[in-house]
Amino acid sequence: MSSARAPVLIEKLKADTIKVPTVTGEQVAVPSTEPMRGARILLECLLKEGADTIFGYPGGAILHVYDELAKMKGRIRHVLVRHEQGAVHAAEGFARSTG
């Protein structure tokens, strides 16, 4: 992302609160005073694409995503697996069985 576009994302997020849908369809007010960083952008993009469930294994490089996931209570479901390869197989099986 170019540095010229970064302030636009930050300015969009500076409203007092935004209404967001949860997985159950309820509208929840979420404070949006902090700047939008890469982990939050990733999760917002997943939600925008219609993903409501993700599979993963926390580790050093992905901890920022897990921090943001904790802040998104109820908006996206996380399935904890025992191994990275297990996450891939579980996600593929989930995708095939749910369409």
PDB file of N, CA and C in Angstrom:
ATOM      1  N   MET A   1       0.856  -1.157   0.000  1.00  0.00           N
ATOM      2  CA  MET A   1       0.000   0.000   0.000  1.00  0.00           C
ATOM      3  C   MET A   1       0.902   1.220   0.000  1.00  0.00           C
ATOM      4  N   SER A   2       0.599   2.164  -0.836  1.00  0.00           N
ATOM      5  CA  SER A   2       1.397   3.379  -0.884  1.00  0.00           C
ATOM      6  C   SER A   2       1.103   4.235   0.329  1.00  0.00           C
ATOM      7  N   SER A   3       2.069   5.069   0.686  1.00  0.00           N
ATOM      8  CA  SER A   3       1.883   5.915   1.871  1.00  0.00           C
ATOM      9  C   SER A   3       0.799   6.969   1.633  1.00  0.00           C
ATOM     10  N   ALA A   4       0.514   7.289   0.371  1.00  0.00           N
ATOM     11  CA  ALA A   4      -0.532   8.269   0.078  1.00  0.00           C
ATOM     12  C   ALA A   4      -1.920   7.718   0.402  1.00  0.00           C
ATOM     13  N   ARG A   5      -2.109   6.405   0.300  1.00  0.00           N
ATOM     14  CA  ARG A   5      -3.415   5.798   0.558  1.00  0.00           C
ATOM     15  C   ARG A   5      -3.620   5.480   2.030  1.00  0.00           C
ATOM     16  N   ALA A   6      -2.558   5.328   2.799  1.00  0.00           N
ATOM     17  CA  ALA A   6      -2.675   4.958   4.203  1.00  0.00           C
ATOM     18  C   ALA A   6      -3.508   5.946   5.009  1.00  0.00           C
ATOM     19  N   PRO A   7      -3.329   7.267   4.867  1.00  0.00           N
ATOM     20  CA  PRO A   7      -4.162   8.182   5.649  1.00  0.00           C
ATOM     21  C   PRO A   7      -5.652   8.051   5.349  1.00  0.00           C
ATOM     22  N   VAL A   8      -6.005   7.668   4.140  1.00  0.00           N
ATOM     23  CA  VAL A   8      -7.415   7.500   3.791  1.00  0.00           C
ATOM     24  C   VAL A   8      -8.030   6.399   4.642  1.00  0.00           C
ATOM     25  N   LEU A   9      -7.328   5.268   4.783  1.00  0.00           N
ATOM     26  CA  LEU A   9      -7.831   4.173   5.607  1.00  0.00           C
ATOM     27  C   LEU A   9      -7.936   4.600   7.063  1.00  0.00           C
ATOM     28  N   ILE A  10      -6.965   5.355   7.537  1.00  0.00           N
ATOM     29  CA  ILE A  10      -6.985   5.797   8.928  1.00  0.00           C
ATOM     30  C   ILE A  10      -8.131   6.776   9.152  1.00  0.00           C
ATOM     31  N   GLU A  11      -8.343   7.698   8.236  1.00  0.00           N
ATOM     32  CA  GLU A  11      -9.419   8.676   8.384  1.00  0.00           C
ATOM     33  C   GLU A  11     -10.794   8.009   8.372  1.00  0.00           C
ATOM     34  N   LYS A  12     -10.971   6.978   7.559  1.00  0.00           N
ATOM     35  CA  LYS A  12     -12.246   6.261   7.508  1.00  0.00           C
ATOM     36  C   LYS A  12     -12.584   5.660   8.864  1.00  0.00           C
ATOM     37  N   LEU A  13     -11.569   5.300   9.617  1.00  0.00           N
ATOM     38  CA  LEU A  13     -11.764   4.585  10.870  1.00  0.00           C
ATOM     39  C   LEU A  13     -11.916   5.507  12.071  1.00  0.00           C
ATOM     40  N   LYS A  14     -11.793   6.810  11.898  1.00  0.00           N
ATOM     41  CA  LYS A  14     -11.800   7.719  13.032  1.00  0.00           C
ATOM     42  C   LYS A  14     -13.189   8.141  13.494  1.00  0.00           C
ATOM     43  N   ALA A  15     -14.234   7.588  12.952  1.00  0.00           N
ATOM     44  CA  ALA A  15     -15.587   7.885  13.440  1.00  0.00           C
ATOM     45  C   ALA A  15     -15.721   7.350  14.861  1.00  0.00           C
ATOM     46  N   ASP A  16     -16.707   7.854  15.621  1.00  0.00           N
ATOM     47  CA  ASP A  16     -16.871   7.415  17.013  1.00  0.00           C
ATOM     48  C   ASP A  16     -17.095   5.919  17.098  1.00  0.00           C
ATOM     49  N   THR A  17     -18.124   5.412  16.436  1.00  0.00           N
ATOM     50  CA  THR A  17     -18.387   3.982  16.392  1.00  0.00           C
ATOM     51  C   THR A  17     -18.949   3.641  15.022  1.00  0.00           C
ATOM     52  N   ILE A  18     -18.810   2.398  14.652  1.00  0.00           N
ATOM     53  CA  ILE A  18     -19.416   1.913  13.425  1.00  0.00           C
ATOM     54  C   ILE A  18     -20.293   0.722  13.765  1.00  0.00           C
ATOM     55  N   LYS A  19     -21.372   0.538  13.035  1.00  0.00           N
ATOM     56  CA  LYS A  19     -22.261  -0.603  13.243  1.00  0.00           C
ATOM     57  C   LYS A  19     -21.805  -1.728  12.326  1.00  0.00           C
ATOM     58  N   VAL A  20     -21.558  -2.888  12.902  1.00  0.00           N
ATOM     59  CA  VAL A  20     -21.107  -4.033  12.127  1.00  0.00           C
ATOM     60  C   VAL A  20     -21.981  -5.241  12.434  1.00  0.00           C
ATOM     61  N   PRO A  21     -22.244  -6.082  11.425  1.00  0.00           N
ATOM     62  CA  PRO A  21     -23.039  -7.289  11.675  1.00  0.00           C
ATOM     63  C   PRO A  21     -22.185  -8.389  12.285  1.00  0.00           C
ATOM     64  N   THR A  22     -22.778  -9.173  13.185  1.00  0.00           N
ATOM     65  CA  THR A  22     -22.091 -10.334  13.735  1.00  0.00           C
ATOM     66  C   THR A  22     -22.459 -11.549  12.889  1.00  0.00           C
ATOM     67  N   VAL A  23     -21.886 -12.690  13.226  1.00  0.00           N
ATOM     68  CA  VAL A  23     -22.180 -13.928  12.519  1.00  0.00           C
ATOM     69  C   VAL A  23     -23.669 -14.268  12.634  1.00  0.00           C
ATOM     70  N   THR A  24     -24.282 -13.898  13.756  1.00  0.00           N
ATOM     71  CA  THR A  24     -25.698 -14.192  13.974  1.00  0.00           C
ATOM     72  C   THR A  24     -26.616 -13.167  13.329  1.00  0.00           C
ATOM     73  N   GLY A  25     -26.063 -12.100  12.740  1.00  0.00           N
ATOM     74  CA  GLY A  25     -26.855 -11.098  12.051  1.00  0.00           C
ATOM     75  C   GLY A  25     -27.191  -9.874  12.878  1.00  0.00           C
ATOM     76  N   GLU A  26     -26.818  -9.863  14.159  1.00  0.00           N
ATOM     77  CA  GLU A  26     -27.076  -8.703  15.017  1.00  0.00           C
ATOM     78  C   GLU A  26     -26.145  -7.556  14.613  1.00  0.00           C
ATOM     79  N   GLN A  27     -26.584  -6.331  14.847  1.00  0.00           N
ATOM     80  CA  GLN A  27     -25.743  -5.158  14.626  1.00  0.00           C
ATOM     81  C   GLN A  27     -25.077  -4.771  15.944  1.00  0.00           C
ATOM     82  N   VAL A  28     -23.764  -4.601  15.930  1.00  0.00           N
ATOM     83  CA  VAL A  28     -23.013  -4.264  17.130  1.00  0.00           C
ATOM     84  C   VAL A  28     -22.229  -2.982  16.873  1.00  0.00           C
ATOM     85  N   ALA A  29     -22.235  -2.067  17.830  1.00  0.00           N
ATOM     86  CA  ALA A  29     -21.437  -0.847  17.726  1.00  0.00           C
ATOM     87  C   ALA A  29     -20.008  -1.163  18.147  1.00  0.00           C
ATOM     88  N   VAL A  30     -19.062  -0.851  17.269  1.00  0.00           N
ATOM     89  CA  VAL A  30     -17.656  -1.137  17.524  1.00  0.00           C
ATOM     90  C   VAL A  30     -16.887   0.178  17.525  1.00  0.00           C
ATOM     91  N   PRO A  31     -16.110   0.449  18.583  1.00  0.00           N
ATOM     92  CA  PRO A  31     -15.315   1.670  18.580  1.00  0.00           C
ATOM     93  C   PRO A  31     -14.260   1.605  17.481  1.00  0.00           C
ATOM     94  N   SER A  32     -14.069   2.719  16.809  1.00  0.00           N
ATOM     95  CA  SER A  32     -13.134   2.708  15.687  1.00  0.00           C
ATOM     96  C   SER A  32     -12.181   3.889  15.746  1.00  0.00           C
ATOM     97  N   THR A  33     -11.580   4.113  16.899  1.00  0.00           N
ATOM     98  CA  THR A  33     -10.698   5.257  17.058  1.00  0.00           C
ATOM     99  C   THR A  33      -9.236   4.930  16.799  1.00  0.00           C
ATOM    100  N   GLU A  34      -8.894   3.680  16.683  1.00  0.00           N
ATOM    101  CA  GLU A  34      -7.498   3.337  16.442  1.00  0.00           C
ATOM    102  C   GLU A  34      -7.246   3.165  14.944  1.00  0.00           C
ATOM    103  N   PRO A  35      -6.011   3.351  14.503  1.00  0.00           N
ATOM    104  CA  PRO A  35      -5.724   3.217  13.070  1.00  0.00           C
ATOM    105  C   PRO A  35      -5.893   1.771  12.600  1.00  0.00           C
ATOM    106  N   MET A  36      -6.268   1.615  11.358  1.00  0.00           N
ATOM    107  CA  MET A  36      -6.450   0.289  10.784  1.00  0.00           C
ATOM    108  C   MET A  36      -5.089  -0.239  10.321  1.00  0.00           C
ATOM    109  N   ARG A  37      -4.696  -1.346  10.866  1.00  0.00           N
ATOM    110  CA  ARG A  37      -3.409  -1.959  10.518  1.00  0.00           C
ATOM    111  C   ARG A  37      -3.658  -3.206   9.674  1.00  0.00           C
ATOM    112  N   GLY A  38      -2.594  -3.834   9.245  1.00  0.00           N
ATOM    113  CA  GLY A  38      -2.686  -4.966   8.334  1.00  0.00           C
ATOM    114  C   GLY A  38      -3.535  -6.118   8.829  1.00  0.00           C
ATOM    115  N   ALA A  39      -3.419  -6.469  10.104  1.00  0.00           N
ATOM    116  CA  ALA A  39      -4.196  -7.583  10.654  1.00  0.00           C
ATOM    117  C   ALA A  39      -5.688  -7.279  10.597  1.00  0.00           C
ATOM    118  N   ARG A  40      -6.061  -6.057  10.945  1.00  0.00           N
ATOM    119  CA  ARG A  40      -7.480  -5.678  10.907  1.00  0.00           C
ATOM    120  C   ARG A  40      -7.984  -5.622   9.472  1.00  0.00           C
ATOM    121  N   ILE A  41      -7.159  -5.100   8.577  1.00  0.00           N
ATOM    122  CA  ILE A  41      -7.539  -5.040   7.166  1.00  0.00           C
ATOM    123  C   ILE A  41      -7.788  -6.446   6.630  1.00  0.00           C
ATOM    124  N   LEU A  42      -6.918  -7.395   6.995  1.00  0.00           N
ATOM    125  CA  LEU A  42      -7.086  -8.787   6.560  1.00  0.00           C
ATOM    126  C   LEU A  42      -8.433  -9.340   7.023  1.00  0.00           C
ATOM    127  N   LEU A  43      -8.757  -9.167   8.297  1.00  0.00           N
ATOM    128  CA  LEU A  43     -10.010  -9.707   8.822  1.00  0.00           C
ATOM    129  C   LEU A  43     -11.224  -8.994   8.235  1.00  0.00           C
ATOM    130  N   GLU A  44     -11.141  -7.686   8.039  1.00  0.00           N
ATOM    131  CA  GLU A  44     -12.245  -6.951   7.423  1.00  0.00           C
ATOM    132  C   GLU A  44     -12.473  -7.425   5.984  1.00  0.00           C
ATOM    133  N   CYS A  45     -11.383  -7.690   5.262  1.00  0.00           N
ATOM    134  CA  CYS A  45     -11.517  -8.198   3.889  1.00  0.00           C
ATOM    135  C   CYS A  45     -12.160  -9.582   3.872  1.00  0.00           C
ATOM    136  N   LEU A  46     -11.777 -10.449   4.804  1.00  0.00           N
ATOM    137  CA  LEU A  46     -12.402 -11.771   4.887  1.00  0.00           C
ATOM    138  C   LEU A  46     -13.899 -11.650   5.140  1.00  0.00           C
ATOM    139  N   LEU A  47     -14.274 -10.755   6.049  1.00  0.00           N
ATOM    140  CA  LEU A  47     -15.699 -10.541   6.335  1.00  0.00           C
ATOM    141  C   LEU A  47     -16.417  -9.984   5.116  1.00  0.00           C
ATOM    142  N   LYS A  48     -15.783  -9.063   4.424  1.00  0.00           N
ATOM    143  CA  LYS A  48     -16.397  -8.453   3.242  1.00  0.00           C
ATOM    144  C   LYS A  48     -16.614  -9.493   2.137  1.00  0.00           C
ATOM    145  N   GLU A  49     -15.748 -10.489   2.077  1.00  0.00           N
ATOM    146  CA  GLU A  49     -15.880 -11.557   1.086  1.00  0.00           C
ATOM    147  C   GLU A  49     -16.865 -12.636   1.521  1.00  0.00           C
ATOM    148  N   GLY A  50     -17.406 -12.522   2.733  1.00  0.00           N
ATOM    149  CA  GLY A  50     -18.420 -13.461   3.187  1.00  0.00           C
ATOM    150  C   GLY A  50     -17.907 -14.589   4.057  1.00  0.00           C
ATOM    151  N   ALA A  51     -16.634 -14.554   4.426  1.00  0.00           N
ATOM    152  CA  ALA A  51     -16.090 -15.607   5.294  1.00  0.00           C
ATOM    153  C   ALA A  51     -16.584 -15.387   6.711  1.00  0.00           C
ATOM    154  N   ASP A  52     -17.110 -16.426   7.327  1.00  0.00           N
ATOM    155  CA  ASP A  52     -17.541 -16.301   8.716  1.00  0.00           C
ATOM    156  C   ASP A  52     -16.789 -17.261   9.627  1.00  0.00           C
ATOM    157  N   THR A  53     -15.969 -18.137   9.050  1.00  0.00           N
ATOM    158  CA  THR A  53     -15.194 -19.113   9.812  1.00  0.00           C
ATOM    159  C   THR A  53     -13.785 -19.173   9.249  1.00  0.00           C
ATOM    160  N   ILE A  54     -12.786 -19.155  10.132  1.00  0.00           N
ATOM    161  CA  ILE A  54     -11.405 -19.325   9.704  1.00  0.00           C
ATOM    162  C   ILE A  54     -10.762 -20.423  10.540  1.00  0.00           C
ATOM    163  N   PHE A  55      -9.755 -21.046   9.993  1.00  0.00           N
ATOM    164  CA  PHE A  55      -9.037 -22.132  10.654  1.00  0.00           C
ATOM    165  C   PHE A  55      -7.595 -21.684  10.827  1.00  0.00           C
ATOM    166  N   GLY A  56      -6.997 -21.959  11.974  1.00  0.00           N
ATOM    167  CA  GLY A  56      -5.629 -21.517  12.149  1.00  0.00           C
ATOM    168  C   GLY A  56      -4.940 -22.090  13.365  1.00  0.00           C
ATOM    169  N   TYR A  57      -3.641 -21.792  13.406  1.00  0.00           N
ATOM    170  CA  TYR A  57      -2.760 -22.218  14.470  1.00  0.00           C
ATOM    171  C   TYR A  57      -1.906 -21.009  14.850  1.00  0.00           C
ATOM    172  N   PRO A  58      -2.080 -20.444  16.045  1.00  0.00           N
ATOM    173  CA  PRO A  58      -1.346 -19.231  16.396  1.00  0.00           C
ATOM    174  C   PRO A  58       0.150 -19.475  16.508  1.00  0.00           C
ATOM    175  N   GLY A  59       0.905 -18.509  16.050  1.00  0.00           N
ATOM    176  CA  GLY A  59       2.358 -18.561  16.126  1.00  0.00           C
ATOM    177  C   GLY A  59       2.906 -17.147  16.091  1.00  0.00           C
ATOM    178  N   GLY A  60       4.205 -17.015  16.107  1.00  0.00           N
ATOM    179  CA  GLY A  60       4.850 -15.715  16.215  1.00  0.00           C
ATOM    180  C   GLY A  60       4.464 -14.696  15.161  1.00  0.00           C
ATOM    181  N   ALA A  61       4.465 -15.070  13.900  1.00  0.00           N
ATOM    182  CA  ALA A  61       4.232 -14.111  12.825  1.00  0.00           C
ATOM    183  C   ALA A  61       2.763 -13.721  12.677  1.00  0.00           C
ATOM    184  N   ILE A  62       1.847 -14.508  13.183  1.00  0.00           N
ATOM    185  CA  ILE A  62       0.413 -14.265  12.969  1.00  0.00           C
ATOM    186  C   ILE A  62      -0.282 -13.741  14.230  1.00  0.00           C
ATOM    187  N   LEU A  63       0.462 -13.478  15.287  1.00  0.00           N
ATOM    188  CA  LEU A  63      -0.142 -13.066  16.552  1.00  0.00           C
ATOM    189  C   LEU A  63      -0.917 -11.758  16.448  1.00  0.00           C
ATOM    190  N   HIS A  64      -0.514 -10.844  15.571  1.00  0.00           N
ATOM    191  CA  HIS A  64      -1.253  -9.588  15.411  1.00  0.00           C
ATOM    192  C   HIS A  64      -2.660  -9.855  14.881  1.00  0.00           C
ATOM    193  N   VAL A  65      -2.792 -10.863  14.018  1.00  0.00           N
ATOM    194  CA  VAL A  65      -4.117 -11.228  13.507  1.00  0.00           C
ATOM    195  C   VAL A  65      -4.969 -11.782  14.644  1.00  0.00           C
ATOM    196  N   TYR A  66      -4.384 -12.575  15.516  1.00  0.00           N
ATOM    197  CA  TYR A  66      -5.126 -13.130  16.646  1.00  0.00           C
ATOM    198  C   TYR A  66      -5.525 -12.045  17.649  1.00  0.00           C
ATOM    199  N   ASP A  67      -4.686 -11.024  17.805  1.00  0.00           N
ATOM    200  CA  ASP A  67      -5.054  -9.892  18.661  1.00  0.00           C
ATOM    201  C   ASP A  67      -6.291  -9.185  18.106  1.00  0.00           C
ATOM    202  N   GLU A  68      -6.315  -8.950  16.803  1.00  0.00           N
ATOM    203  CA  GLU A  68      -7.473  -8.302  16.179  1.00  0.00           C
ATOM    204  C   GLU A  68      -8.702  -9.211  16.223  1.00  0.00           C
ATOM    205  N   LEU A  69      -8.482 -10.508  16.066  1.00  0.00           N
ATOM    206  CA  LEU A  69      -9.584 -11.467  16.115  1.00  0.00           C
ATOM    207  C   LEU A  69     -10.268 -11.427  17.484  1.00  0.00           C
ATOM    208  N   ALA A  70      -9.491 -11.263  18.531  1.00  0.00           N
ATOM    209  CA  ALA A  70     -10.054 -11.178  19.883  1.00  0.00           C
ATOM    210  C   ALA A  70     -10.922  -9.931  20.042  1.00  0.00           C
ATOM    211  N   LYS A  71     -10.576  -8.858  19.334  1.00  0.00           N
ATOM    212  CA  LYS A  71     -11.358  -7.620  19.406  1.00  0.00           C
ATOM    213  C   LYS A  71     -12.657  -7.704  18.618  1.00  0.00           C
ATOM    214  N   MET A  72     -12.759  -8.668  17.709  1.00  0.00           N
ATOM    215  CA  MET A  72     -13.921  -8.775  16.822  1.00  0.00           C
ATOM    216  C   MET A  72     -14.982  -9.730  17.357  1.00  0.00           C
ATOM    217  N   LYS A  73     -15.028  -9.979  18.616  1.00  0.00           N
ATOM    218  CA  LYS A  73     -15.935 -10.926  19.265  1.00  0.00           C
ATOM    219  C   LYS A  73     -17.249 -11.140  18.510  1.00  0.00           C
ATOM    220  N   GLY A  74     -17.478 -12.349  18.062  1.00  0.00           N
ATOM    221  CA  GLY A  74     -18.743 -12.707  17.444  1.00  0.00           C
ATOM    222  C   GLY A  74     -18.866 -12.424  15.954  1.00  0.00           C
ATOM    223  N   ARG A  75     -17.936 -11.691  15.380  1.00  0.00           N
ATOM    224  CA  ARG A  75     -18.045 -11.364  13.952  1.00  0.00           C
ATOM    225  C   ARG A  75     -17.480 -12.466  13.067  1.00  0.00           C
ATOM    226  N   ILE A  76     -16.478 -13.164  13.560  1.00  0.00           N
ATOM    227  CA  ILE A  76     -15.859 -14.235  12.782  1.00  0.00           C
ATOM    228  C   ILE A  76     -15.463 -15.350  13.745  1.00  0.00           C
ATOM    229  N   ARG A  77     -15.708 -16.587  13.319  1.00  0.00           N
ATOM    230  CA  ARG A  77     -15.434 -17.747  14.179  1.00  0.00           C
ATOM    231  C   ARG A  77     -14.074 -18.325  13.831  1.00  0.00           C
ATOM    232  N   HIS A  78     -13.296 -18.685  14.835  1.00  0.00           N
ATOM    233  CA  HIS A  78     -11.975 -19.269  14.625  1.00  0.00           C
ATOM    234  C   HIS A  78     -11.973 -20.711  15.112  1.00  0.00           C
ATOM    235  N   VAL A  79     -11.455 -21.608  14.282  1.00  0.00           N
ATOM    236  CA  VAL A  79     -11.315 -23.013  14.663  1.00  0.00           C
ATOM    237  C   VAL A  79      -9.833 -23.271  14.887  1.00  0.00           C
ATOM    238  N   LEU A  80      -9.468 -23.584  16.127  1.00  0.00           N
ATOM    239  CA  LEU A  80      -8.081 -23.851  16.482  1.00  0.00           C
ATOM    240  C   LEU A  80      -7.739 -25.295  16.113  1.00  0.00           C
ATOM    241  N   VAL A  81      -6.650 -25.466  15.379  1.00  0.00           N
ATOM    242  CA  VAL A  81      -6.209 -26.807  14.979  1.00  0.00           C
ATOM    243  C   VAL A  81      -4.890 -27.118  15.678  1.00  0.00           C
ATOM    244  N   ARG A  82      -4.453 -28.350  15.560  1.00  0.00           N
ATOM    245  CA  ARG A  82      -3.216 -28.771  16.235  1.00  0.00           C
ATOM    246  C   ARG A  82      -1.973 -28.614  15.364  1.00  0.00           C
ATOM    247  N   HIS A  83      -2.157 -28.423  14.058  1.00  0.00           N
ATOM    248  CA  HIS A  83      -1.015 -28.325  13.137  1.00  0.00           C
ATOM    249  C   HIS A  83      -1.423 -27.497  11.932  1.00  0.00           C
ATOM    250  N   GLU A  84      -0.469 -26.773  11.329  1.00  0.00           N
ATOM    251  CA  GLU A  84      -0.783 -25.920  10.185  1.00  0.00           C
ATOM    252  C   GLU A  84      -1.412 -26.701   9.035  1.00  0.00           C
ATOM    253  N   GLN A  85      -0.880 -27.880   8.754  1.00  0.00           N
ATOM    254  CA  GLN A  85      -1.429 -28.684   7.654  1.00  0.00           C
ATOM    255  C   GLN A  85      -2.843 -29.143   7.982  1.00  0.00           C
ATOM    256  N   GLY A  86      -3.110 -29.382   9.252  1.00  0.00           N
ATOM    257  CA  GLY A  86      -4.459 -29.748   9.659  1.00  0.00           C
ATOM    258  C   GLY A  86      -5.451 -28.629   9.381  1.00  0.00           C
ATOM    259  N   ALA A  87      -5.005 -27.383   9.510  1.00  0.00           N
ATOM    260  CA  ALA A  87      -5.876 -26.238   9.223  1.00  0.00           C
ATOM    261  C   ALA A  87      -6.265 -26.217   7.751  1.00  0.00           C
ATOM    262  N   VAL A  88      -5.316 -26.532   6.889  1.00  0.00           N
ATOM    263  CA  VAL A  88      -5.596 -26.553   5.452  1.00  0.00           C
ATOM    264  C   VAL A  88      -6.622 -27.629   5.127  1.00  0.00           C
ATOM    265  N   HIS A  89      -6.432 -28.815   5.674  1.00  0.00           N
ATOM    266  CA  HIS A  89      -7.363 -29.913   5.398  1.00  0.00           C
ATOM    267  C   HIS A  89      -8.744 -29.639   5.999  1.00  0.00           C
ATOM    268  N   ALA A  90      -8.767 -29.086   7.197  1.00  0.00           N
ATOM    269  CA  ALA A  90     -10.056 -28.775   7.828  1.00  0.00           C
ATOM    270  C   ALA A  90     -10.800 -27.697   7.043  1.00  0.00           C
ATOM    271  N   ALA A  91     -10.083 -26.664   6.610  1.00  0.00           N
ATOM    272  CA  ALA A  91     -10.713 -25.596   5.837  1.00  0.00           C
ATOM    273  C   ALA A  91     -11.229 -26.105   4.497  1.00  0.00           C
ATOM    274  N   GLU A  92     -10.467 -26.979   3.848  1.00  0.00           N
ATOM    275  CA  GLU A  92     -10.917 -27.530   2.577  1.00  0.00           C
ATOM    276  C   GLU A  92     -12.156 -28.397   2.765  1.00  0.00           C
ATOM    277  N   GLY A  93     -12.171 -29.236   3.779  1.00  0.00           N
ATOM    278  CA  GLY A  93     -13.334 -30.061   4.050  1.00  0.00           C
ATOM    279  C   GLY A  93     -14.550 -29.226   4.405  1.00  0.00           C
ATOM    280  N   PHE A  94     -14.348 -28.172   5.186  1.00  0.00           N
ATOM    281  CA  PHE A  94     -15.431 -27.268   5.551  1.00  0.00           C
ATOM    282  C   PHE A  94     -16.003 -26.576   4.310  1.00  0.00           C
ATOM    283  N   ALA A  95     -15.115 -26.110   3.444  1.00  0.00           N
ATOM    284  CA  ALA A  95     -15.547 -25.424   2.229  1.00  0.00           C
ATOM    285  C   ALA A  95     -16.326 -26.371   1.310  1.00  0.00           C
ATOM    286  N   ARG A  96     -15.858 -27.592   1.175  1.00  0.00           N
ATOM    287  CA  ARG A  96     -16.541 -28.562   0.311  1.00  0.00           C
ATOM    288  C   ARG A  96     -17.914 -28.962   0.871  1.00  0.00           C
ATOM    289  N   SER A  97     -17.992 -29.073   2.190  1.00  0.00           N
ATOM    290  CA  SER A  97     -19.266 -29.523   2.769  1.00  0.00           C
ATOM    291  C   SER A  97     -20.304 -28.413   2.922  1.00  0.00           C
ATOM    292  N   THR A  98     -19.848 -27.165   2.994  1.00  0.00           N
ATOM    293  CA  THR A  98     -20.788 -26.055   3.171  1.00  0.00           C
ATOM    294  C   THR A  98     -21.037 -25.273   1.880  1.00  0.00           C
ATOM    295  N   GLY A  99     -20.248 -25.532   0.872  1.00  0.00           N
ATOM    296  CA  GLY A  99     -20.449 -24.840  -0.420  1.00  0.00           C
ATOM    297  C   GLY A  99     -19.718 -23.591  -0.444  1.00  0.00           C
TER     298      GLY A  99
END
